[in-house]
Amino acid sequence: RDNAKNMVYLQMNSLKPEDTAVYYCTVNLSRRYWGQGTQVT
């Protein structure tokens, strides 16, 4: 994460077909908030 930029990252290496999914950024405030997701194939 980069707190100065309000950014969080996920570095994915050695990807496998079973990693295919929609990936969501989340934060737990009073409840868990979800982004709209980004497709990884």
Full PDB file with SEQRES, HELIX, SHEET, SSBOND, CRYST1, ORIGX, SCALE, CONECT and MASTER records, all heavy atoms in Angstrom:
SEQRES   1 A   41  ARG ASP ASN ALA LYS ASN MET VAL TYR LEU GLN MET ASN          
SEQRES   2 A   41  SER LEU LYS PRO GLU ASP THR ALA VAL TYR TYR CYS THR          
SEQRES   3 A   41  VAL ASN LEU SER ARG ARG TYR TRP GLY GLN GLY THR GLN          
SEQRES   4 A   41  VAL THR                                                      
HELIX    1 AA1 PRO A   17  ASP A   19  5                                   3    
SHEET    1 AA1 2 ALA A  21  TYR A  23  0                                        
SHEET    2 AA1 2 THR A  38  VAL A  40 -1                                        
SHEET    1 AA2 2 THR A  26  ASN A  28  0                                        
SHEET    2 AA2 2 ARG A  32  TRP A  34 -1                                        
CRYST1    1.000    1.000    1.000  90.00  90.00  90.00 P 1           1          
ORIGX1      1.000000  0.000000  0.000000        0.00000                         
ORIGX2      0.000000  1.000000  0.000000        0.00000                         
ORIGX3      0.000000  0.000000  1.000000        0.00000                         
SCALE1      1.000000  0.000000  0.000000        0.00000                         
SCALE2      0.000000  1.000000  0.000000        0.00000                         
SCALE3      0.000000  0.000000  1.000000        0.00000                         
ATOM      1  N   ARG A   1       0.830  -1.197   0.000  1.00  0.00           N  
ATOM      2  CA  ARG A   1       0.000   0.000   0.000  1.00  0.00           C  
ATOM      3  C   ARG A   1       0.860   1.241   0.000  1.00  0.00           C  
ATOM      4  O   ARG A   1       2.022   1.222   0.430  1.00  0.00           O  
ATOM      5  CB  ARG A   1      -0.962   0.012   1.197  1.00  0.00           C  
ATOM      6  CG  ARG A   1      -0.288   0.157   2.548  1.00  0.00           C  
ATOM      7  CD  ARG A   1      -1.268  -0.115   3.682  1.00  0.00           C  
ATOM      8  NE  ARG A   1      -2.345   0.866   3.731  1.00  0.00           N  
ATOM      9  CZ  ARG A   1      -3.522   0.659   4.318  1.00  0.00           C  
ATOM     10  NH1 ARG A   1      -3.778  -0.503   4.913  1.00  0.00           N  
ATOM     11  NH2 ARG A   1      -4.441   1.619   4.315  1.00  0.00           N  
ATOM     12  N   ASP A   2       0.291   2.332  -0.476  1.00  0.00           N  
ATOM     13  CA  ASP A   2       0.929   3.638  -0.455  1.00  0.00           C  
ATOM     14  C   ASP A   2      -0.069   4.589   0.191  1.00  0.00           C  
ATOM     15  O   ASP A   2      -1.015   5.049  -0.452  1.00  0.00           O  
ATOM     16  CB  ASP A   2       1.288   4.087  -1.872  1.00  0.00           C  
ATOM     17  CG  ASP A   2       2.066   5.390  -1.896  1.00  0.00           C  
ATOM     18  OD1 ASP A   2       2.038   6.143  -0.904  1.00  0.00           O  
ATOM     19  OD2 ASP A   2       2.717   5.661  -2.923  1.00  0.00           O  
ATOM     20  N   ASN A   3       0.123   4.854   1.470  1.00  0.00           N  
ATOM     21  CA  ASN A   3      -0.840   5.672   2.198  1.00  0.00           C  
ATOM     22  C   ASN A   3      -0.865   7.122   1.722  1.00  0.00           C  
ATOM     23  O   ASN A   3      -1.883   7.803   1.862  1.00  0.00           O  
ATOM     24  CB  ASN A   3      -0.564   5.610   3.701  1.00  0.00           C  
ATOM     25  CG  ASN A   3      -1.050   4.315   4.320  1.00  0.00           C  
ATOM     26  OD1 ASN A   3      -1.701   3.499   3.662  1.00  0.00           O  
ATOM     27  ND2 ASN A   3      -0.726   4.113   5.589  1.00  0.00           N  
ATOM     28  N   ALA A   4       0.232   7.607   1.168  1.00  0.00           N  
ATOM     29  CA  ALA A   4       0.262   8.969   0.644  1.00  0.00           C  
ATOM     30  C   ALA A   4      -0.617   9.123  -0.586  1.00  0.00           C  
ATOM     31  O   ALA A   4      -1.054  10.225  -0.908  1.00  0.00           O  
ATOM     32  CB  ALA A   4       1.692   9.384   0.322  1.00  0.00           C  
ATOM     33  N   LYS A   5      -0.874   8.018  -1.280  1.00  0.00           N  
ATOM     34  CA  LYS A   5      -1.676   8.041  -2.499  1.00  0.00           C  
ATOM     35  C   LYS A   5      -3.029   7.362  -2.342  1.00  0.00           C  
ATOM     36  O   LYS A   5      -3.790   7.287  -3.308  1.00  0.00           O  
ATOM     37  CB  LYS A   5      -0.915   7.378  -3.644  1.00  0.00           C  
ATOM     38  CG  LYS A   5       0.358   8.091  -4.043  1.00  0.00           C  
ATOM     39  CD  LYS A   5       1.055   7.373  -5.187  1.00  0.00           C  
ATOM     40  CE  LYS A   5       2.299   8.113  -5.621  1.00  0.00           C  
ATOM     41  NZ  LYS A   5       3.000   7.411  -6.722  1.00  0.00           N  
ATOM     42  N   ASN A   6      -3.334   6.863  -1.150  1.00  0.00           N  
ATOM     43  CA  ASN A   6      -4.568   6.107  -0.917  1.00  0.00           C  
ATOM     44  C   ASN A   6      -4.704   4.962  -1.914  1.00  0.00           C  
ATOM     45  O   ASN A   6      -5.760   4.745  -2.514  1.00  0.00           O  
ATOM     46  CB  ASN A   6      -5.795   7.012  -0.982  1.00  0.00           C  
ATOM     47  CG  ASN A   6      -5.965   7.886   0.243  1.00  0.00           C  
ATOM     48  OD1 ASN A   6      -5.058   8.035   1.062  1.00  0.00           O  
ATOM     49  ND2 ASN A   6      -7.137   8.482   0.384  1.00  0.00           N  
ATOM     50  N   MET A   7      -3.623   4.221  -2.079  1.00  0.00           N  
ATOM     51  CA  MET A   7      -3.589   3.125  -3.041  1.00  0.00           C  
ATOM     52  C   MET A   7      -3.173   1.832  -2.356  1.00  0.00           C  
ATOM     53  O   MET A   7      -2.316   1.830  -1.468  1.00  0.00           O  
ATOM     54  CB  MET A   7      -2.613   3.416  -4.176  1.00  0.00           C  
ATOM     55  CG  MET A   7      -2.975   4.615  -5.032  1.00  0.00           C  
ATOM     56  SD  MET A   7      -4.397   4.290  -6.117  1.00  0.00           S  
ATOM     57  CE  MET A   7      -3.690   3.067  -7.226  1.00  0.00           C  
ATOM     58  N   VAL A   8      -3.764   0.749  -2.788  1.00  0.00           N  
ATOM     59  CA  VAL A   8      -3.356  -0.579  -2.368  1.00  0.00           C  
ATOM     60  C   VAL A   8      -3.179  -1.425  -3.621  1.00  0.00           C  
ATOM     61  O   VAL A   8      -3.905  -1.243  -4.607  1.00  0.00           O  
ATOM     62  CB  VAL A   8      -4.365  -1.199  -1.369  1.00  0.00           C  
ATOM     63  CG1 VAL A   8      -5.747  -1.336  -1.997  1.00  0.00           C  
ATOM     64  CG2 VAL A   8      -3.858  -2.535  -0.836  1.00  0.00           C  
ATOM     65  N   TYR A   9      -2.205  -2.333  -3.578  1.00  0.00           N  
ATOM     66  CA  TYR A   9      -1.829  -3.106  -4.751  1.00  0.00           C  
ATOM     67  C   TYR A   9      -1.820  -4.592  -4.438  1.00  0.00           C  
ATOM     68  O   TYR A   9      -1.599  -5.013  -3.306  1.00  0.00           O  
ATOM     69  CB  TYR A   9      -0.432  -2.702  -5.230  1.00  0.00           C  
ATOM     70  CG  TYR A   9      -0.262  -1.216  -5.420  1.00  0.00           C  
ATOM     71  CD1 TYR A   9       0.295  -0.431  -4.416  1.00  0.00           C  
ATOM     72  CD2 TYR A   9      -0.669  -0.595  -6.596  1.00  0.00           C  
ATOM     73  CE1 TYR A   9       0.446   0.939  -4.581  1.00  0.00           C  
ATOM     74  CE2 TYR A   9      -0.526   0.765  -6.767  1.00  0.00           C  
ATOM     75  CZ  TYR A   9       0.035   1.530  -5.761  1.00  0.00           C  
ATOM     76  OH  TYR A   9       0.179   2.883  -5.938  1.00  0.00           O  
ATOM     77  N   LEU A  10      -2.046  -5.382  -5.458  1.00  0.00           N  
ATOM     78  CA  LEU A  10      -1.893  -6.824  -5.364  1.00  0.00           C  
ATOM     79  C   LEU A  10      -0.971  -7.263  -6.489  1.00  0.00           C  
ATOM     80  O   LEU A  10      -1.332  -7.155  -7.661  1.00  0.00           O  
ATOM     81  CB  LEU A  10      -3.238  -7.544  -5.463  1.00  0.00           C  
ATOM     82  CG  LEU A  10      -3.181  -9.068  -5.323  1.00  0.00           C  
ATOM     83  CD1 LEU A  10      -2.773  -9.461  -3.903  1.00  0.00           C  
ATOM     84  CD2 LEU A  10      -4.524  -9.696  -5.691  1.00  0.00           C  
ATOM     85  N   GLN A  11       0.210  -7.727  -6.132  1.00  0.00           N  
ATOM     86  CA  GLN A  11       1.159  -8.252  -7.102  1.00  0.00           C  
ATOM     87  C   GLN A  11       0.956  -9.756  -7.203  1.00  0.00           C  
ATOM     88  O   GLN A  11       1.076 -10.468  -6.208  1.00  0.00           O  
ATOM     89  CB  GLN A  11       2.593  -7.942  -6.685  1.00  0.00           C  
ATOM     90  CG  GLN A  11       3.656  -8.477  -7.635  1.00  0.00           C  
ATOM     91  CD  GLN A  11       3.626  -7.801  -8.987  1.00  0.00           C  
ATOM     92  OE1 GLN A  11       3.560  -6.579  -9.065  1.00  0.00           O  
ATOM     93  NE2 GLN A  11       3.665  -8.588 -10.057  1.00  0.00           N  
ATOM     94  N   MET A  12       0.656 -10.229  -8.388  1.00  0.00           N  
ATOM     95  CA  MET A  12       0.391 -11.637  -8.630  1.00  0.00           C  
ATOM     96  C   MET A  12       1.431 -12.172  -9.600  1.00  0.00           C  
ATOM     97  O   MET A  12       1.543 -11.687 -10.728  1.00  0.00           O  
ATOM     98  CB  MET A  12      -1.016 -11.838  -9.194  1.00  0.00           C  
ATOM     99  CG  MET A  12      -2.110 -11.255  -8.314  1.00  0.00           C  
ATOM    100  SD  MET A  12      -3.770 -11.607  -8.945  1.00  0.00           S  
ATOM    101  CE  MET A  12      -3.754 -10.617 -10.431  1.00  0.00           C  
ATOM    102  N   ASN A  13       2.178 -13.160  -9.159  1.00  0.00           N  
ATOM    103  CA  ASN A  13       3.204 -13.795  -9.975  1.00  0.00           C  
ATOM    104  C   ASN A  13       2.877 -15.268 -10.150  1.00  0.00           C  
ATOM    105  O   ASN A  13       2.086 -15.843  -9.412  1.00  0.00           O  
ATOM    106  CB  ASN A  13       4.579 -13.640  -9.321  1.00  0.00           C  
ATOM    107  CG  ASN A  13       5.002 -12.203  -9.141  1.00  0.00           C  
ATOM    108  OD1 ASN A  13       4.713 -11.351  -9.976  1.00  0.00           O  
ATOM    109  ND2 ASN A  13       5.710 -11.928  -8.047  1.00  0.00           N  
ATOM    110  N   SER A  14       3.528 -15.883 -11.114  1.00  0.00           N  
ATOM    111  CA  SER A  14       3.361 -17.313 -11.379  1.00  0.00           C  
ATOM    112  C   SER A  14       1.887 -17.695 -11.454  1.00  0.00           C  
ATOM    113  O   SER A  14       1.439 -18.664 -10.838  1.00  0.00           O  
ATOM    114  CB  SER A  14       4.081 -18.143 -10.304  1.00  0.00           C  
ATOM    115  OG  SER A  14       5.457 -17.824 -10.256  1.00  0.00           O  
ATOM    116  N   LEU A  15       1.150 -16.937 -12.221  1.00  0.00           N  
ATOM    117  CA  LEU A  15      -0.300 -17.115 -12.272  1.00  0.00           C  
ATOM    118  C   LEU A  15      -0.689 -18.458 -12.883  1.00  0.00           C  
ATOM    119  O   LEU A  15      -0.032 -18.952 -13.800  1.00  0.00           O  
ATOM    120  CB  LEU A  15      -0.940 -15.968 -13.045  1.00  0.00           C  
ATOM    121  CG  LEU A  15      -1.035 -14.668 -12.241  1.00  0.00           C  
ATOM    122  CD1 LEU A  15      -1.245 -13.482 -13.160  1.00  0.00           C  
ATOM    123  CD2 LEU A  15      -2.167 -14.763 -11.215  1.00  0.00           C  
ATOM    124  N   LYS A  16      -1.761 -18.999 -12.348  1.00  0.00           N  
ATOM    125  CA  LYS A  16      -2.298 -20.284 -12.771  1.00  0.00           C  
ATOM    126  C   LYS A  16      -3.722 -20.093 -13.281  1.00  0.00           C  
ATOM    127  O   LYS A  16      -4.400 -19.148 -12.885  1.00  0.00           O  
ATOM    128  CB  LYS A  16      -2.319 -21.261 -11.591  1.00  0.00           C  
ATOM    129  CG  LYS A  16      -0.982 -21.460 -10.908  1.00  0.00           C  
ATOM    130  CD  LYS A  16      -1.141 -22.320  -9.668  1.00  0.00           C  
ATOM    131  CE  LYS A  16       0.185 -22.526  -8.974  1.00  0.00           C  
ATOM    132  NZ  LYS A  16       0.029 -23.363  -7.756  1.00  0.00           N  
ATOM    133  N   PRO A  17      -4.201 -20.993 -14.141  1.00  0.00           N  
ATOM    134  CA  PRO A  17      -5.585 -20.865 -14.605  1.00  0.00           C  
ATOM    135  C   PRO A  17      -6.597 -20.789 -13.462  1.00  0.00           C  
ATOM    136  O   PRO A  17      -7.606 -20.094 -13.593  1.00  0.00           O  
ATOM    137  CB  PRO A  17      -5.784 -22.128 -15.448  1.00  0.00           C  
ATOM    138  CG  PRO A  17      -4.420 -22.422 -15.976  1.00  0.00           C  
ATOM    139  CD  PRO A  17      -3.483 -22.069 -14.850  1.00  0.00           C  
ATOM    140  N   GLU A  18      -6.338 -21.483 -12.358  1.00  0.00           N  
ATOM    141  CA  GLU A  18      -7.251 -21.442 -11.232  1.00  0.00           C  
ATOM    142  C   GLU A  18      -7.280 -20.101 -10.512  1.00  0.00           C  
ATOM    143  O   GLU A  18      -8.117 -19.888  -9.627  1.00  0.00           O  
ATOM    144  CB  GLU A  18      -6.957 -22.572 -10.232  1.00  0.00           C  
ATOM    145  CG  GLU A  18      -5.503 -22.650  -9.811  1.00  0.00           C  
ATOM    146  CD  GLU A  18      -4.709 -23.690 -10.591  1.00  0.00           C  
ATOM    147  OE1 GLU A  18      -4.836 -23.732 -11.834  1.00  0.00           O  
ATOM    148  OE2 GLU A  18      -3.969 -24.468  -9.960  1.00  0.00           O  
ATOM    149  N   ASP A  19      -6.387 -19.186 -10.867  1.00  0.00           N  
ATOM    150  CA  ASP A  19      -6.436 -17.828 -10.341  1.00  0.00           C  
ATOM    151  C   ASP A  19      -7.452 -16.967 -11.082  1.00  0.00           C  
ATOM    152  O   ASP A  19      -7.697 -15.822 -10.675  1.00  0.00           O  
ATOM    153  CB  ASP A  19      -5.063 -17.163 -10.429  1.00  0.00           C  
ATOM    154  CG  ASP A  19      -4.025 -17.828  -9.545  1.00  0.00           C  
ATOM    155  OD1 ASP A  19      -4.358 -18.206  -8.404  1.00  0.00           O  
ATOM    156  OD2 ASP A  19      -2.871 -17.968  -9.996  1.00  0.00           O  
ATOM    157  N   THR A  20      -8.019 -17.478 -12.153  1.00  0.00           N  
ATOM    158  CA  THR A  20      -9.012 -16.733 -12.910  1.00  0.00           C  
ATOM    159  C   THR A  20     -10.208 -16.406 -12.012  1.00  0.00           C  
ATOM    160  O   THR A  20     -10.824 -17.295 -11.429  1.00  0.00           O  
ATOM    161  CB  THR A  20      -9.475 -17.528 -14.133  1.00  0.00           C  
ATOM    162  OG1 THR A  20      -8.371 -17.691 -15.029  1.00  0.00           O  
ATOM    163  CG2 THR A  20     -10.605 -16.805 -14.861  1.00  0.00           C  
ATOM    164  N   ALA A  21     -10.519 -15.129 -11.894  1.00  0.00           N  
ATOM    165  CA  ALA A  21     -11.582 -14.684 -11.007  1.00  0.00           C  
ATOM    166  C   ALA A  21     -11.769 -13.189 -11.176  1.00  0.00           C  
ATOM    167  O   ALA A  21     -10.956 -12.508 -11.810  1.00  0.00           O  
ATOM    168  CB  ALA A  21     -11.236 -14.999  -9.549  1.00  0.00           C  
ATOM    169  N   VAL A  22     -12.833 -12.685 -10.582  1.00  0.00           N  
ATOM    170  CA  VAL A  22     -12.973 -11.250 -10.399  1.00  0.00           C  
ATOM    171  C   VAL A  22     -12.327 -10.903  -9.074  1.00  0.00           C  
ATOM    172  O   VAL A  22     -12.629 -11.522  -8.048  1.00  0.00           O  
ATOM    173  CB  VAL A  22     -14.444 -10.804 -10.420  1.00  0.00           C  
ATOM    174  CG1 VAL A  22     -14.550  -9.304 -10.155  1.00  0.00           C  
ATOM    175  CG2 VAL A  22     -15.084 -11.146 -11.757  1.00  0.00           C  
ATOM    176  N   TYR A  23     -11.425  -9.942  -9.086  1.00  0.00           N  
ATOM    177  CA  TYR A  23     -10.688  -9.543  -7.900  1.00  0.00           C  
ATOM    178  C   TYR A  23     -11.251  -8.237  -7.361  1.00  0.00           C  
ATOM    179  O   TYR A  23     -11.460  -7.281  -8.112  1.00  0.00           O  
ATOM    180  CB  TYR A  23      -9.199  -9.397  -8.223  1.00  0.00           C  
ATOM    181  CG  TYR A  23      -8.508 -10.733  -8.341  1.00  0.00           C  
ATOM    182  CD1 TYR A  23      -8.728 -11.551  -9.450  1.00  0.00           C  
ATOM    183  CD2 TYR A  23      -7.660 -11.199  -7.340  1.00  0.00           C  
ATOM    184  CE1 TYR A  23      -8.126 -12.793  -9.552  1.00  0.00           C  
ATOM    185  CE2 TYR A  23      -7.046 -12.435  -7.442  1.00  0.00           C  
ATOM    186  CZ  TYR A  23      -7.282 -13.228  -8.545  1.00  0.00           C  
ATOM    187  OH  TYR A  23      -6.675 -14.460  -8.645  1.00  0.00           O  
ATOM    188  N   TYR A  24     -11.480  -8.220  -6.050  1.00  0.00           N  
ATOM    189  CA  TYR A  24     -12.104  -7.093  -5.381  1.00  0.00           C  
ATOM    190  C   TYR A  24     -11.187  -6.502  -4.316  1.00  0.00           C  
ATOM    191  O   TYR A  24     -10.586  -7.233  -3.532  1.00  0.00           O  
ATOM    192  CB  TYR A  24     -13.395  -7.522  -4.682  1.00  0.00           C  
ATOM    193  CG  TYR A  24     -14.462  -8.053  -5.595  1.00  0.00           C  
ATOM    194  CD1 TYR A  24     -14.541  -9.405  -5.884  1.00  0.00           C  
ATOM    195  CD2 TYR A  24     -15.405  -7.195  -6.156  1.00  0.00           C  
ATOM    196  CE1 TYR A  24     -15.528  -9.904  -6.719  1.00  0.00           C  
ATOM    197  CE2 TYR A  24     -16.397  -7.683  -6.985  1.00  0.00           C  
ATOM    198  CZ  TYR A  24     -16.451  -9.035  -7.263  1.00  0.00           C  
ATOM    199  OH  TYR A  24     -17.436  -9.520  -8.084  1.00  0.00           O  
ATOM    200  N   CYS A  25     -11.126  -5.197  -4.269  1.00  0.00           N  
ATOM    201  CA  CYS A  25     -10.496  -4.460  -3.186  1.00  0.00           C  
ATOM    202  C   CYS A  25     -11.539  -4.249  -2.097  1.00  0.00           C  
ATOM    203  O   CYS A  25     -12.682  -3.871  -2.396  1.00  0.00           O  
ATOM    204  CB  CYS A  25      -9.998  -3.121  -3.734  1.00  0.00           C  
ATOM    205  SG  CYS A  25      -9.219  -2.030  -2.551  1.00  0.00           S  
ATOM    206  N   THR A  26     -11.180  -4.501  -0.835  1.00  0.00           N  
ATOM    207  CA  THR A  26     -12.152  -4.377   0.252  1.00  0.00           C  
ATOM    208  C   THR A  26     -11.557  -3.690   1.464  1.00  0.00           C  
ATOM    209  O   THR A  26     -10.351  -3.706   1.688  1.00  0.00           O  
ATOM    210  CB  THR A  26     -12.708  -5.747   0.685  1.00  0.00           C  
ATOM    211  OG1 THR A  26     -11.748  -6.447   1.479  1.00  0.00           O  
ATOM    212  CG2 THR A  26     -13.107  -6.597  -0.518  1.00  0.00           C  
ATOM    213  N   VAL A  27     -12.435  -3.092   2.255  1.00  0.00           N  
ATOM    214  CA  VAL A  27     -12.065  -2.495   3.538  1.00  0.00           C  
ATOM    215  C   VAL A  27     -13.199  -2.732   4.517  1.00  0.00           C  
ATOM    216  O   VAL A  27     -14.377  -2.636   4.162  1.00  0.00           O  
ATOM    217  CB  VAL A  27     -11.757  -0.986   3.394  1.00  0.00           C  
ATOM    218  CG1 VAL A  27     -12.966  -0.208   2.870  1.00  0.00           C  
ATOM    219  CG2 VAL A  27     -11.274  -0.405   4.718  1.00  0.00           C  
ATOM    220  N   ASN A  28     -12.829  -3.067   5.748  1.00  0.00           N  
ATOM    221  CA  ASN A  28     -13.821  -3.306   6.789  1.00  0.00           C  
ATOM    222  C   ASN A  28     -13.949  -2.053   7.657  1.00  0.00           C  
ATOM    223  O   ASN A  28     -13.088  -1.770   8.482  1.00  0.00           O  
ATOM    224  CB  ASN A  28     -13.426  -4.511   7.633  1.00  0.00           C  
ATOM    225  CG  ASN A  28     -14.518  -4.937   8.582  1.00  0.00           C  
ATOM    226  OD1 ASN A  28     -15.680  -4.580   8.409  1.00  0.00           O  
ATOM    227  ND2 ASN A  28     -14.158  -5.704   9.600  1.00  0.00           N  
ATOM    228  N   LEU A  29     -15.005  -1.313   7.457  1.00  0.00           N  
ATOM    229  CA  LEU A  29     -15.319  -0.160   8.303  1.00  0.00           C  
ATOM    230  C   LEU A  29     -16.393  -0.630   9.291  1.00  0.00           C  
ATOM    231  O   LEU A  29     -16.157  -1.575  10.035  1.00  0.00           O  
ATOM    232  CB  LEU A  29     -15.768   1.022   7.441  1.00  0.00           C  
ATOM    233  CG  LEU A  29     -14.760   1.443   6.359  1.00  0.00           C  
ATOM    234  CD1 LEU A  29     -15.335   2.538   5.480  1.00  0.00           C  
ATOM    235  CD2 LEU A  29     -13.447   1.889   6.973  1.00  0.00           C  
ATOM    236  N   SER A  30     -17.552   0.004   9.328  1.00  0.00           N  
ATOM    237  CA  SER A  30     -18.655  -0.550  10.110  1.00  0.00           C  
ATOM    238  C   SER A  30     -19.169  -1.839   9.464  1.00  0.00           C  
ATOM    239  O   SER A  30     -19.764  -2.688  10.134  1.00  0.00           O  
ATOM    240  CB  SER A  30     -19.787   0.464  10.244  1.00  0.00           C  
ATOM    241  OG  SER A  30     -20.242   0.891   8.975  1.00  0.00           O  
ATOM    242  N   ARG A  31     -18.956  -1.962   8.176  1.00  0.00           N  
ATOM    243  CA  ARG A  31     -19.197  -3.177   7.427  1.00  0.00           C  
ATOM    244  C   ARG A  31     -18.091  -3.284   6.388  1.00  0.00           C  
ATOM    245  O   ARG A  31     -17.314  -2.349   6.218  1.00  0.00           O  
ATOM    246  CB  ARG A  31     -20.566  -3.162   6.752  1.00  0.00           C  
ATOM    247  CG  ARG A  31     -20.717  -2.091   5.673  1.00  0.00           C  
ATOM    248  CD  ARG A  31     -21.967  -2.323   4.854  1.00  0.00           C  
ATOM    249  NE  ARG A  31     -22.193  -1.306   3.834  1.00  0.00           N  
ATOM    250  CZ  ARG A  31     -21.705  -1.361   2.594  1.00  0.00           C  
ATOM    251  NH1 ARG A  31     -20.933  -2.375   2.218  1.00  0.00           N  
ATOM    252  NH2 ARG A  31     -21.983  -0.395   1.736  1.00  0.00           N  
ATOM    253  N   ARG A  32     -18.033  -4.403   5.681  1.00  0.00           N  
ATOM    254  CA  ARG A  32     -17.038  -4.532   4.633  1.00  0.00           C  
ATOM    255  C   ARG A  32     -17.546  -3.898   3.342  1.00  0.00           C  
ATOM    256  O   ARG A  32     -18.629  -4.223   2.860  1.00  0.00           O  
ATOM    257  CB  ARG A  32     -16.659  -5.989   4.394  1.00  0.00           C  
ATOM    258  CG  ARG A  32     -15.477  -6.142   3.439  1.00  0.00           C  
ATOM    259  CD  ARG A  32     -14.900  -7.554   3.417  1.00  0.00           C  
ATOM    260  NE  ARG A  32     -14.308  -7.933   4.693  1.00  0.00           N  
ATOM    261  CZ  ARG A  32     -13.084  -7.600   5.088  1.00  0.00           C  
ATOM    262  NH1 ARG A  32     -12.304  -6.874   4.309  1.00  0.00           N  
ATOM    263  NH2 ARG A  32     -12.638  -7.998   6.276  1.00  0.00           N  
ATOM    264  N   TYR A  33     -16.745  -2.998   2.801  1.00  0.00           N  
ATOM    265  CA  TYR A  33     -17.034  -2.360   1.534  1.00  0.00           C  
ATOM    266  C   TYR A  33     -16.251  -3.040   0.433  1.00  0.00           C  
ATOM    267  O   TYR A  33     -15.095  -3.441   0.625  1.00  0.00           O  
ATOM    268  CB  TYR A  33     -16.675  -0.871   1.567  1.00  0.00           C  
ATOM    269  CG  TYR A  33     -17.618  -0.025   2.376  1.00  0.00           C  
ATOM    270  CD1 TYR A  33     -17.499   0.057   3.758  1.00  0.00           C  
ATOM    271  CD2 TYR A  33     -18.638   0.702   1.758  1.00  0.00           C  
ATOM    272  CE1 TYR A  33     -18.369   0.829   4.504  1.00  0.00           C  
ATOM    273  CE2 TYR A  33     -19.507   1.480   2.501  1.00  0.00           C  
ATOM    274  CZ  TYR A  33     -19.366   1.537   3.871  1.00  0.00           C  
ATOM    275  OH  TYR A  33     -20.228   2.315   4.608  1.00  0.00           O  
ATOM    276  N   TRP A  34     -16.874  -3.134  -0.729  1.00  0.00           N  
ATOM    277  CA  TRP A  34     -16.298  -3.809  -1.880  1.00  0.00           C  
ATOM    278  C   TRP A  34     -16.238  -2.873  -3.072  1.00  0.00           C  
ATOM    279  O   TRP A  34     -17.158  -2.090  -3.308  1.00  0.00           O  
ATOM    280  CB  TRP A  34     -17.151  -5.020  -2.276  1.00  0.00           C  
ATOM    281  CG  TRP A  34     -17.277  -6.052  -1.201  1.00  0.00           C  
ATOM    282  CD1 TRP A  34     -18.007  -5.968  -0.050  1.00  0.00           C  
ATOM    283  CD2 TRP A  34     -16.658  -7.341  -1.178  1.00  0.00           C  
ATOM    284  NE1 TRP A  34     -17.872  -7.123   0.683  1.00  0.00           N  
ATOM    285  CE2 TRP A  34     -17.055  -7.978   0.014  1.00  0.00           C  
ATOM    286  CE3 TRP A  34     -15.807  -8.019  -2.062  1.00  0.00           C  
ATOM    287  CZ2 TRP A  34     -16.630  -9.267   0.353  1.00  0.00           C  
ATOM    288  CZ3 TRP A  34     -15.383  -9.291  -1.729  1.00  0.00           C  
ATOM    289  CH2 TRP A  34     -15.801  -9.906  -0.533  1.00  0.00           C  
ATOM    290  N   GLY A  35     -15.176  -2.959  -3.833  1.00  0.00           N  
ATOM    291  CA  GLY A  35     -15.139  -2.299  -5.121  1.00  0.00           C  
ATOM    292  C   GLY A  35     -15.982  -3.057  -6.122  1.00  0.00           C  
ATOM    293  O   GLY A  35     -16.620  -4.070  -5.806  1.00  0.00           O  
ATOM    294  N   GLN A  36     -15.999  -2.583  -7.357  1.00  0.00           N  
ATOM    295  CA  GLN A  36     -16.795  -3.242  -8.391  1.00  0.00           C  
ATOM    296  C   GLN A  36     -16.098  -4.460  -8.987  1.00  0.00           C  
ATOM    297  O   GLN A  36     -16.732  -5.266  -9.664  1.00  0.00           O  
ATOM    298  CB  GLN A  36     -17.158  -2.251  -9.507  1.00  0.00           C  
ATOM    299  CG  GLN A  36     -16.055  -1.978 -10.522  1.00  0.00           C  
ATOM    300  CD  GLN A  36     -14.901  -1.181  -9.956  1.00  0.00           C  
ATOM    301  OE1 GLN A  36     -15.055  -0.433  -8.997  1.00  0.00           O  
ATOM    302  NE2 GLN A  36     -13.726  -1.343 -10.547  1.00  0.00           N  
ATOM    303  N   GLY A  37     -14.816  -4.581  -8.733  1.00  0.00           N  
ATOM    304  CA  GLY A  37     -14.059  -5.730  -9.177  1.00  0.00           C  
ATOM    305  C   GLY A  37     -13.360  -5.519 -10.504  1.00  0.00           C  
ATOM    306  O   GLY A  37     -13.766  -4.700 -11.321  1.00  0.00           O  
ATOM    307  N   THR A  38     -12.292  -6.280 -10.711  1.00  0.00           N  
ATOM    308  CA  THR A  38     -11.580  -6.287 -11.975  1.00  0.00           C  
ATOM    309  C   THR A  38     -11.311  -7.740 -12.370  1.00  0.00           C  
ATOM    310  O   THR A  38     -10.907  -8.555 -11.546  1.00  0.00           O  
ATOM    311  CB  THR A  38     -10.273  -5.462 -11.899  1.00  0.00           C  
ATOM    312  OG1 THR A  38      -9.665  -5.385 -13.188  1.00  0.00           O  
ATOM    313  CG2 THR A  38      -9.282  -6.046 -10.897  1.00  0.00           C  
ATOM    314  N   GLN A  39     -11.574  -8.061 -13.624  1.00  0.00           N  
ATOM    315  CA  GLN A  39     -11.469  -9.438 -14.101  1.00  0.00           C  
ATOM    316  C   GLN A  39     -10.019  -9.801 -14.384  1.00  0.00           C  
ATOM    317  O   GLN A  39      -9.309  -9.081 -15.091  1.00  0.00           O  
ATOM    318  CB  GLN A  39     -12.301  -9.617 -15.376  1.00  0.00           C  
ATOM    319  CG  GLN A  39     -12.186 -10.997 -16.015  1.00  0.00           C  
ATOM    320  CD  GLN A  39     -12.872 -12.070 -15.219  1.00  0.00           C  
ATOM    321  OE1 GLN A  39     -14.021 -11.904 -14.808  1.00  0.00           O  
ATOM    322  NE2 GLN A  39     -12.176 -13.178 -14.982  1.00  0.00           N  
ATOM    323  N   VAL A  40      -9.602 -10.936 -13.853  1.00  0.00           N  
ATOM    324  CA  VAL A  40      -8.305 -11.521 -14.163  1.00  0.00           C  
ATOM    325  C   VAL A  40      -8.560 -12.872 -14.809  1.00  0.00           C  
ATOM    326  O   VAL A  40      -9.222 -13.734 -14.223  1.00  0.00           O  
ATOM    327  CB  VAL A  40      -7.436 -11.684 -12.902  1.00  0.00           C  
ATOM    328  CG1 VAL A  40      -6.165 -12.480 -13.222  1.00  0.00           C  
ATOM    329  CG2 VAL A  40      -7.087 -10.320 -12.323  1.00  0.00           C  
ATOM    330  N   THR A  41      -8.047 -13.057 -16.008  1.00  0.00           N  
ATOM    331  CA  THR A  41      -8.192 -14.315 -16.724  1.00  0.00           C  
ATOM    332  C   THR A  41      -6.811 -14.854 -17.041  1.00  0.00           C  
ATOM    333  O   THR A  41      -6.011 -14.178 -17.697  1.00  0.00           O  
ATOM    334  CB  THR A  41      -9.001 -14.130 -18.010  1.00  0.00           C  
ATOM    335  OG1 THR A  41     -10.282 -13.579 -17.700  1.00  0.00           O  
ATOM    336  CG2 THR A  41      -9.179 -15.459 -18.727  1.00  0.00           C  
TER     337      THR A  41                                                      
MASTER        0    0    0    1    4    0    0    6  336    1    0    4          
END                                                                             
